[in-house]
């Protein structure tokens, strides 16, 4: 009997996870309201607990679609980048999240889809399908993609190489991309730590660029990495 009950519970959980994983999602005013409230709380915590600061917010486009590209060393990274956007764009901003990590269990899937509005991206499979979905979102005005081209969090806080997928997405594309550098997020919440520490975090947003005349995906990835590194060297404190 217990085996049957456990099996039914696991099957139900899997169905819920599969539903949360579906993308694009249907508009839901209840989810929108809940997400807005949670976002305001998160932004307040960032300001108070981490003394969060944004430099370069004037570089953000007002109405067209664009991509934010940043270094990745902490679970704080996505919420910091989302905090740079006006609340009016909250439900059209999509952090690109690894499907094999964020959409496996029910708690992670719920948080990723309901709170973060994350786009599930296949790292080992369905890569082309995931890239096509990103392109379709960028083709519509007003959408924002948040991408961490390193692919996973840095264990040292140092900037890693960028995966070629970011180049495949942006090469020959007219959409603008803004390089960003997150400073202090690794010290506040490094990989392996359960809860963040009260360390100052800054988000540096560089000027927009596009790669409509660049066809080499590897070159695009390398140039974006250099742009993120330049922000660290020019404006970073560490």
C-alpha atoms as a PDB file:
ATOM      1  CA  UNK A   1       0.000   0.000   0.000  1.00  0.00           C
ATOM      2  CA  UNK A   2       2.812   2.377   0.897  1.00  0.00           C
ATOM      3  CA  UNK A   3       4.522   1.630  -2.413  1.00  0.00           C
ATOM      4  CA  UNK A   4       1.335   2.440  -4.304  1.00  0.00           C
ATOM      5  CA  UNK A   5       0.885   5.680  -2.370  1.00  0.00           C
ATOM      6  CA  UNK A   6       4.501   6.722  -2.906  1.00  0.00           C
ATOM      7  CA  UNK A   7       4.250   5.883  -6.586  1.00  0.00           C
ATOM      8  CA  UNK A   8       1.099   7.952  -6.982  1.00  0.00           C
ATOM      9  CA  UNK A   9       2.707  10.869  -5.136  1.00  0.00           C
ATOM     10  CA  UNK A  10       5.797  10.751  -7.343  1.00  0.00           C
ATOM     11  CA  UNK A  11       3.653  10.565 -10.488  1.00  0.00           C
ATOM     12  CA  UNK A  12       1.619  13.593  -9.377  1.00  0.00           C
ATOM     13  CA  UNK A  13       4.793  15.536  -8.558  1.00  0.00           C
ATOM     14  CA  UNK A  14       6.227  14.689 -11.975  1.00  0.00           C
ATOM     15  CA  UNK A  15       3.062  15.945 -13.701  1.00  0.00           C
ATOM     16  CA  UNK A  16       3.225  19.212 -11.760  1.00  0.00           C
ATOM     17  CA  UNK A  17       6.920  19.646 -12.608  1.00  0.00           C
ATOM     18  CA  UNK A  18       6.186  18.980 -16.291  1.00  0.00           C
ATOM     19  CA  UNK A  19       3.417  21.606 -16.223  1.00  0.00           C
ATOM     20  CA  UNK A  20       5.678  24.174 -14.564  1.00  0.00           C
ATOM     21  CA  UNK A  21       8.355  23.412 -17.122  1.00  0.00           C
ATOM     22  CA  UNK A  22       6.137  24.231 -20.111  1.00  0.00           C
ATOM     23  CA  UNK A  23       7.108  27.359 -21.982  1.00  0.00           C
ATOM     24  CA  UNK A  24       5.851  29.833 -23.089  1.00  0.00           C
ATOM     25  CA  UNK A  25       3.452  30.189 -20.171  1.00  0.00           C
ATOM     26  CA  UNK A  26      -0.099  31.413 -20.267  1.00  0.00           C
ATOM     27  CA  UNK A  27      -0.739  34.809 -18.607  1.00  0.00           C
ATOM     28  CA  UNK A  28      -1.981  34.367 -15.041  1.00  0.00           C
ATOM     29  CA  UNK A  29      -3.015  37.407 -13.000  1.00  0.00           C
ATOM     30  CA  UNK A  30      -2.692  35.476  -9.724  1.00  0.00           C
ATOM     31  CA  UNK A  31       0.880  34.455 -10.537  1.00  0.00           C
ATOM     32  CA  UNK A  32       1.652  37.987 -11.736  1.00  0.00           C
ATOM     33  CA  UNK A  33       0.395  39.483  -8.495  1.00  0.00           C
ATOM     34  CA  UNK A  34       2.278  36.996  -6.346  1.00  0.00           C
ATOM     35  CA  UNK A  35       5.474  37.489  -8.352  1.00  0.00           C
ATOM     36  CA  UNK A  36       5.224  41.268  -8.036  1.00  0.00           C
ATOM     37  CA  UNK A  37       4.857  41.110  -4.239  1.00  0.00           C
ATOM     38  CA  UNK A  38       7.766  38.663  -3.863  1.00  0.00           C
ATOM     39  CA  UNK A  39       9.888  40.810  -6.173  1.00  0.00           C
ATOM     40  CA  UNK A  40       9.310  43.910  -4.055  1.00  0.00           C
ATOM     41  CA  UNK A  41      10.322  41.972  -0.943  1.00  0.00           C
ATOM     42  CA  UNK A  42      13.447  40.620  -2.647  1.00  0.00           C
ATOM     43  CA  UNK A  43      14.456  44.088  -3.843  1.00  0.00           C
ATOM     44  CA  UNK A  44      14.025  45.485  -0.345  1.00  0.00           C
ATOM     45  CA  UNK A  45      16.177  42.692   1.101  1.00  0.00           C
ATOM     46  CA  UNK A  46      18.854  43.295  -1.528  1.00  0.00           C
ATOM     47  CA  UNK A  47      19.005  46.989  -0.614  1.00  0.00           C
ATOM     48  CA  UNK A  48      19.038  46.486   3.138  1.00  0.00           C
ATOM     49  CA  UNK A  49      20.957  43.239   3.634  1.00  0.00           C
ATOM     50  CA  UNK A  50      23.412  43.457   0.718  1.00  0.00           C
ATOM     51  CA  UNK A  51      23.462  47.245   0.201  1.00  0.00           C
ATOM     52  CA  UNK A  52      22.736  46.490  -3.451  1.00  0.00           C
ATOM     53  CA  UNK A  53      23.765  49.187  -5.921  1.00  0.00           C
ATOM     54  CA  UNK A  54      23.233  49.520  -9.672  1.00  0.00           C
ATOM     55  CA  UNK A  55      25.566  51.487 -11.936  1.00  0.00           C
ATOM     56  CA  UNK A  56      24.677  52.063 -15.591  1.00  0.00           C
ATOM     57  CA  UNK A  57      20.895  51.636 -15.374  1.00  0.00           C
ATOM     58  CA  UNK A  58      20.598  54.444 -17.939  1.00  0.00           C
ATOM     59  CA  UNK A  59      21.940  52.004 -20.549  1.00  0.00           C
ATOM     60  CA  UNK A  60      18.802  49.846 -20.347  1.00  0.00           C
ATOM     61  CA  UNK A  61      16.532  50.249 -23.411  1.00  0.00           C
ATOM     62  CA  UNK A  62      13.032  51.514 -22.647  1.00  0.00           C
ATOM     63  CA  UNK A  63      10.776  49.472 -24.899  1.00  0.00           C
ATOM     64  CA  UNK A  64      12.580  47.117 -27.272  1.00  0.00           C
ATOM     65  CA  UNK A  65      13.750  43.608 -26.563  1.00  0.00           C
ATOM     66  CA  UNK A  66      17.290  43.080 -25.332  1.00  0.00           C
ATOM     67  CA  UNK A  67      19.642  40.616 -23.644  1.00  0.00           C
ATOM     68  CA  UNK A  68      21.505  41.010 -20.363  1.00  0.00           C
ATOM     69  CA  UNK A  69      24.724  38.984 -20.221  1.00  0.00           C
ATOM     70  CA  UNK A  70      26.673  38.674 -16.963  1.00  0.00           C
ATOM     71  CA  UNK A  71      29.228  36.708 -15.006  1.00  0.00           C
ATOM     72  CA  UNK A  72      27.834  33.921 -12.845  1.00  0.00           C
ATOM     73  CA  UNK A  73      29.119  33.025  -9.383  1.00  0.00           C
ATOM     74  CA  UNK A  74      26.069  33.007  -7.110  1.00  0.00           C
ATOM     75  CA  UNK A  75      22.346  32.272  -6.844  1.00  0.00           C
ATOM     76  CA  UNK A  76      22.021  36.025  -6.231  1.00  0.00           C
ATOM     77  CA  UNK A  77      22.904  36.817  -9.836  1.00  0.00           C
ATOM     78  CA  UNK A  78      19.465  36.410 -11.414  1.00  0.00           C
ATOM     79  CA  UNK A  79      17.583  38.330  -8.734  1.00  0.00           C
ATOM     80  CA  UNK A  80      20.115  41.175  -8.960  1.00  0.00           C
ATOM     81  CA  UNK A  81      19.701  41.477 -12.718  1.00  0.00           C
ATOM     82  CA  UNK A  82      15.919  41.325 -12.414  1.00  0.00           C
ATOM     83  CA  UNK A  83      16.112  44.065  -9.775  1.00  0.00           C
ATOM     84  CA  UNK A  84      17.654  46.396 -12.366  1.00  0.00           C
ATOM     85  CA  UNK A  85      14.485  46.259 -14.499  1.00  0.00           C
ATOM     86  CA  UNK A  86      11.329  48.344 -14.034  1.00  0.00           C
ATOM     87  CA  UNK A  87       8.467  46.434 -12.414  1.00  0.00           C
ATOM     88  CA  UNK A  88       6.476  46.940 -15.590  1.00  0.00           C
ATOM     89  CA  UNK A  89       8.834  44.582 -17.432  1.00  0.00           C
ATOM     90  CA  UNK A  90       8.932  41.958 -14.703  1.00  0.00           C
ATOM     91  CA  UNK A  91       6.615  39.449 -16.392  1.00  0.00           C
ATOM     92  CA  UNK A  92       8.402  39.783 -19.730  1.00  0.00           C
ATOM     93  CA  UNK A  93      11.880  39.213 -18.321  1.00  0.00           C
ATOM     94  CA  UNK A  94      13.155  35.644 -18.569  1.00  0.00           C
ATOM     95  CA  UNK A  95      16.304  34.404 -16.842  1.00  0.00           C
ATOM     96  CA  UNK A  96      17.619  31.478 -18.873  1.00  0.00           C
ATOM     97  CA  UNK A  97      17.916  28.557 -16.432  1.00  0.00           C
ATOM     98  CA  UNK A  98      19.382  25.077 -16.852  1.00  0.00           C
ATOM     99  CA  UNK A  99      16.451  22.682 -17.266  1.00  0.00           C
ATOM    100  CA  UNK A 100      18.403  19.780 -15.774  1.00  0.00           C
ATOM    101  CA  UNK A 101      19.039  21.727 -12.533  1.00  0.00           C
ATOM    102  CA  UNK A 102      16.132  24.113 -11.934  1.00  0.00           C
ATOM    103  CA  UNK A 103      13.322  21.999 -13.406  1.00  0.00           C
ATOM    104  CA  UNK A 104      13.915  18.600 -11.838  1.00  0.00           C
ATOM    105  CA  UNK A 105      12.277  18.794  -8.396  1.00  0.00           C
ATOM    106  CA  UNK A 106       8.952  20.402  -7.503  1.00  0.00           C
ATOM    107  CA  UNK A 107      10.314  23.122  -5.128  1.00  0.00           C
ATOM    108  CA  UNK A 108      12.961  24.299  -7.606  1.00  0.00           C
ATOM    109  CA  UNK A 109      10.545  24.145 -10.537  1.00  0.00           C
ATOM    110  CA  UNK A 110       7.940  26.162  -8.646  1.00  0.00           C
ATOM    111  CA  UNK A 111      10.447  28.830  -7.624  1.00  0.00           C
ATOM    112  CA  UNK A 112      11.999  29.016 -11.105  1.00  0.00           C
ATOM    113  CA  UNK A 113       8.709  29.330 -12.979  1.00  0.00           C
ATOM    114  CA  UNK A 114       6.446  31.228 -10.556  1.00  0.00           C
ATOM    115  CA  UNK A 115       8.895  33.548  -8.768  1.00  0.00           C
ATOM    116  CA  UNK A 116      11.691  33.942 -11.321  1.00  0.00           C
ATOM    117  CA  UNK A 117       9.735  33.444 -14.566  1.00  0.00           C
ATOM    118  CA  UNK A 118      12.723  31.418 -15.779  1.00  0.00           C
ATOM    119  CA  UNK A 119      13.023  29.950 -19.252  1.00  0.00           C
ATOM    120  CA  UNK A 120      14.090  26.276 -19.106  1.00  0.00           C
ATOM    121  CA  UNK A 121      17.130  25.763 -21.341  1.00  0.00           C
ATOM    122  CA  UNK A 122      18.474  22.354 -22.363  1.00  0.00           C
ATOM    123  CA  UNK A 123      22.221  22.215 -21.794  1.00  0.00           C
ATOM    124  CA  UNK A 124      22.771  18.625 -22.951  1.00  0.00           C
ATOM    125  CA  UNK A 125      19.711  18.058 -25.117  1.00  0.00           C
ATOM    126  CA  UNK A 126      17.256  20.191 -27.117  1.00  0.00           C
ATOM    127  CA  UNK A 127      19.855  22.948 -27.375  1.00  0.00           C
ATOM    128  CA  UNK A 128      18.713  24.044 -30.834  1.00  0.00           C
ATOM    129  CA  UNK A 129      15.094  24.037 -29.691  1.00  0.00           C
ATOM    130  CA  UNK A 130      16.036  26.191 -26.689  1.00  0.00           C
ATOM    131  CA  UNK A 131      17.970  28.641 -28.893  1.00  0.00           C
ATOM    132  CA  UNK A 132      15.012  28.872 -31.269  1.00  0.00           C
ATOM    133  CA  UNK A 133      12.740  29.691 -28.340  1.00  0.00           C
ATOM    134  CA  UNK A 134      15.110  32.460 -27.221  1.00  0.00           C
ATOM    135  CA  UNK A 135      15.148  33.925 -30.748  1.00  0.00           C
ATOM    136  CA  UNK A 136      11.338  33.903 -30.919  1.00  0.00           C
ATOM    137  CA  UNK A 137      11.124  35.802 -27.628  1.00  0.00           C
ATOM    138  CA  UNK A 138      13.637  38.395 -28.800  1.00  0.00           C
ATOM    139  CA  UNK A 139      11.702  38.861 -32.041  1.00  0.00           C
ATOM    140  CA  UNK A 140       8.789  40.263 -30.009  1.00  0.00           C
ATOM    141  CA  UNK A 141       9.177  43.849 -28.713  1.00  0.00           C
ATOM    142  CA  UNK A 142       9.554  44.336 -24.972  1.00  0.00           C
ATOM    143  CA  UNK A 143      11.036  41.005 -23.898  1.00  0.00           C
ATOM    144  CA  UNK A 144      14.231  40.654 -21.862  1.00  0.00           C
ATOM    145  CA  UNK A 145      16.484  37.609 -21.706  1.00  0.00           C
ATOM    146  CA  UNK A 146      18.955  37.210 -18.845  1.00  0.00           C
ATOM    147  CA  UNK A 147      21.805  34.884 -19.774  1.00  0.00           C
ATOM    148  CA  UNK A 148      24.899  33.638 -17.965  1.00  0.00           C
ATOM    149  CA  UNK A 149      27.157  32.387 -20.776  1.00  0.00           C
ATOM    150  CA  UNK A 150      29.567  30.603 -18.416  1.00  0.00           C
ATOM    151  CA  UNK A 151      26.861  27.962 -18.128  1.00  0.00           C
ATOM    152  CA  UNK A 152      27.289  27.330 -14.419  1.00  0.00           C
ATOM    153  CA  UNK A 153      28.360  29.188 -11.294  1.00  0.00           C
ATOM    154  CA  UNK A 154      32.062  29.829 -10.858  1.00  0.00           C
ATOM    155  CA  UNK A 155      33.530  28.011  -7.847  1.00  0.00           C
ATOM    156  CA  UNK A 156      36.255  30.641  -7.416  1.00  0.00           C
ATOM    157  CA  UNK A 157      34.454  33.838  -8.353  1.00  0.00           C
ATOM    158  CA  UNK A 158      36.747  34.255 -11.356  1.00  0.00           C
ATOM    159  CA  UNK A 159      35.233  34.839 -14.778  1.00  0.00           C
ATOM    160  CA  UNK A 160      35.176  31.614 -16.810  1.00  0.00           C
ATOM    161  CA  UNK A 161      35.078  31.165 -20.583  1.00  0.00           C
ATOM    162  CA  UNK A 162      31.763  31.844 -22.323  1.00  0.00           C
ATOM    163  CA  UNK A 163      29.975  28.938 -23.994  1.00  0.00           C
ATOM    164  CA  UNK A 164      29.494  29.250 -27.771  1.00  0.00           C
ATOM    165  CA  UNK A 165      25.700  29.118 -27.402  1.00  0.00           C
ATOM    166  CA  UNK A 166      25.564  32.840 -26.631  1.00  0.00           C
ATOM    167  CA  UNK A 167      27.384  33.499 -29.898  1.00  0.00           C
ATOM    168  CA  UNK A 168      25.043  31.207 -31.821  1.00  0.00           C
ATOM    169  CA  UNK A 169      22.090  33.177 -30.441  1.00  0.00           C
ATOM    170  CA  UNK A 170      23.416  36.680 -31.140  1.00  0.00           C
ATOM    171  CA  UNK A 171      25.616  36.381 -34.234  1.00  0.00           C
ATOM    172  CA  UNK A 172      23.950  38.177 -37.148  1.00  0.00           C
ATOM    173  CA  UNK A 173      21.118  39.328 -34.866  1.00  0.00           C
ATOM    174  CA  UNK A 174      20.015  42.971 -34.603  1.00  0.00           C
ATOM    175  CA  UNK A 175      18.885  42.704 -30.981  1.00  0.00           C
ATOM    176  CA  UNK A 176      21.014  44.664 -28.529  1.00  0.00           C
ATOM    177  CA  UNK A 177      22.913  42.977 -25.723  1.00  0.00           C
ATOM    178  CA  UNK A 178      24.198  44.654 -22.565  1.00  0.00           C
ATOM    179  CA  UNK A 179      27.285  43.187 -20.855  1.00  0.00           C
ATOM    180  CA  UNK A 180      27.025  43.271 -17.056  1.00  0.00           C
ATOM    181  CA  UNK A 181      29.356  42.534 -14.175  1.00  0.00           C
ATOM    182  CA  UNK A 182      28.177  41.476 -10.725  1.00  0.00           C
ATOM    183  CA  UNK A 183      30.624  42.434  -8.008  1.00  0.00           C
ATOM    184  CA  UNK A 184      30.409  41.004  -4.507  1.00  0.00           C
ATOM    185  CA  UNK A 185      27.805  38.306  -5.207  1.00  0.00           C
ATOM    186  CA  UNK A 186      30.412  35.561  -4.854  1.00  0.00           C
ATOM    187  CA  UNK A 187      31.548  36.870  -1.480  1.00  0.00           C
ATOM    188  CA  UNK A 188      27.940  37.153  -0.331  1.00  0.00           C
ATOM    189  CA  UNK A 189      26.700  33.751  -1.496  1.00  0.00           C
ATOM    190  CA  UNK A 190      29.279  31.424  -3.087  1.00  0.00           C
ATOM    191  CA  UNK A 191      28.443  28.007  -4.441  1.00  0.00           C
ATOM    192  CA  UNK A 192      28.075  25.504  -1.607  1.00  0.00           C
ATOM    193  CA  UNK A 193      26.924  27.985   1.056  1.00  0.00           C
ATOM    194  CA  UNK A 194      23.349  27.562   2.294  1.00  0.00           C
ATOM    195  CA  UNK A 195      22.506  31.210   3.024  1.00  0.00           C
ATOM    196  CA  UNK A 196      23.944  34.562   1.862  1.00  0.00           C
ATOM    197  CA  UNK A 197      26.201  36.710   4.029  1.00  0.00           C
ATOM    198  CA  UNK A 198      25.743  40.505   4.393  1.00  0.00           C
ATOM    199  CA  UNK A 199      28.314  41.626   1.815  1.00  0.00           C
ATOM    200  CA  UNK A 200      27.887  44.603  -0.501  1.00  0.00           C
ATOM    201  CA  UNK A 201      26.843  43.707  -4.052  1.00  0.00           C
ATOM    202  CA  UNK A 202      27.068  45.977  -7.091  1.00  0.00           C
ATOM    203  CA  UNK A 203      25.712  45.504 -10.594  1.00  0.00           C
ATOM    204  CA  UNK A 204      27.641  47.236 -13.373  1.00  0.00           C
ATOM    205  CA  UNK A 205      25.709  47.588 -16.660  1.00  0.00           C
ATOM    206  CA  UNK A 206      27.693  48.410 -19.768  1.00  0.00           C
ATOM    207  CA  UNK A 207      26.515  50.192 -22.937  1.00  0.00           C
ATOM    208  CA  UNK A 208      24.445  48.161 -25.415  1.00  0.00           C
ATOM    209  CA  UNK A 209      25.976  46.566 -28.484  1.00  0.00           C
ATOM    210  CA  UNK A 210      24.793  44.283 -31.251  1.00  0.00           C
ATOM    211  CA  UNK A 211      26.396  41.701 -33.486  1.00  0.00           C
ATOM    212  CA  UNK A 212      24.352  42.036 -36.657  1.00  0.00           C
ATOM    213  CA  UNK A 213      27.540  42.157 -38.750  1.00  0.00           C
ATOM    214  CA  UNK A 214      29.299  39.338 -36.929  1.00  0.00           C
ATOM    215  CA  UNK A 215      28.713  35.788 -38.139  1.00  0.00           C
ATOM    216  CA  UNK A 216      31.320  33.966 -36.055  1.00  0.00           C
ATOM    217  CA  UNK A 217      29.644  32.599 -32.908  1.00  0.00           C
ATOM    218  CA  UNK A 218      32.946  31.973 -31.130  1.00  0.00           C
ATOM    219  CA  UNK A 219      34.012  35.555 -31.810  1.00  0.00           C
ATOM    220  CA  UNK A 220      30.769  36.919 -30.372  1.00  0.00           C
ATOM    221  CA  UNK A 221      31.216  34.851 -27.205  1.00  0.00           C
ATOM    222  CA  UNK A 222      34.820  36.020 -26.837  1.00  0.00           C
ATOM    223  CA  UNK A 223      33.918  39.690 -27.378  1.00  0.00           C
ATOM    224  CA  UNK A 224      31.154  39.534 -24.789  1.00  0.00           C
ATOM    225  CA  UNK A 225      33.470  37.941 -22.258  1.00  0.00           C
ATOM    226  CA  UNK A 226      36.011  40.725 -22.895  1.00  0.00           C
ATOM    227  CA  UNK A 227      33.275  43.336 -22.391  1.00  0.00           C
ATOM    228  CA  UNK A 228      32.262  41.814 -19.043  1.00  0.00           C
ATOM    229  CA  UNK A 229      35.913  41.593 -17.984  1.00  0.00           C
ATOM    230  CA  UNK A 230      36.452  45.230 -19.019  1.00  0.00           C
ATOM    231  CA  UNK A 231      33.626  46.304 -16.699  1.00  0.00           C
ATOM    232  CA  UNK A 232      35.347  44.500 -13.833  1.00  0.00           C
ATOM    233  CA  UNK A 233      38.694  46.128 -14.570  1.00  0.00           C
ATOM    234  CA  UNK A 234      37.309  49.617 -15.162  1.00  0.00           C
ATOM    235  CA  UNK A 235      34.665  49.933 -12.461  1.00  0.00           C
ATOM    236  CA  UNK A 236      35.140  46.988 -10.133  1.00  0.00           C
ATOM    237  CA  UNK A 237      36.659  47.383  -6.711  1.00  0.00           C
ATOM    238  CA  UNK A 238      38.140  43.920  -6.562  1.00  0.00           C
END
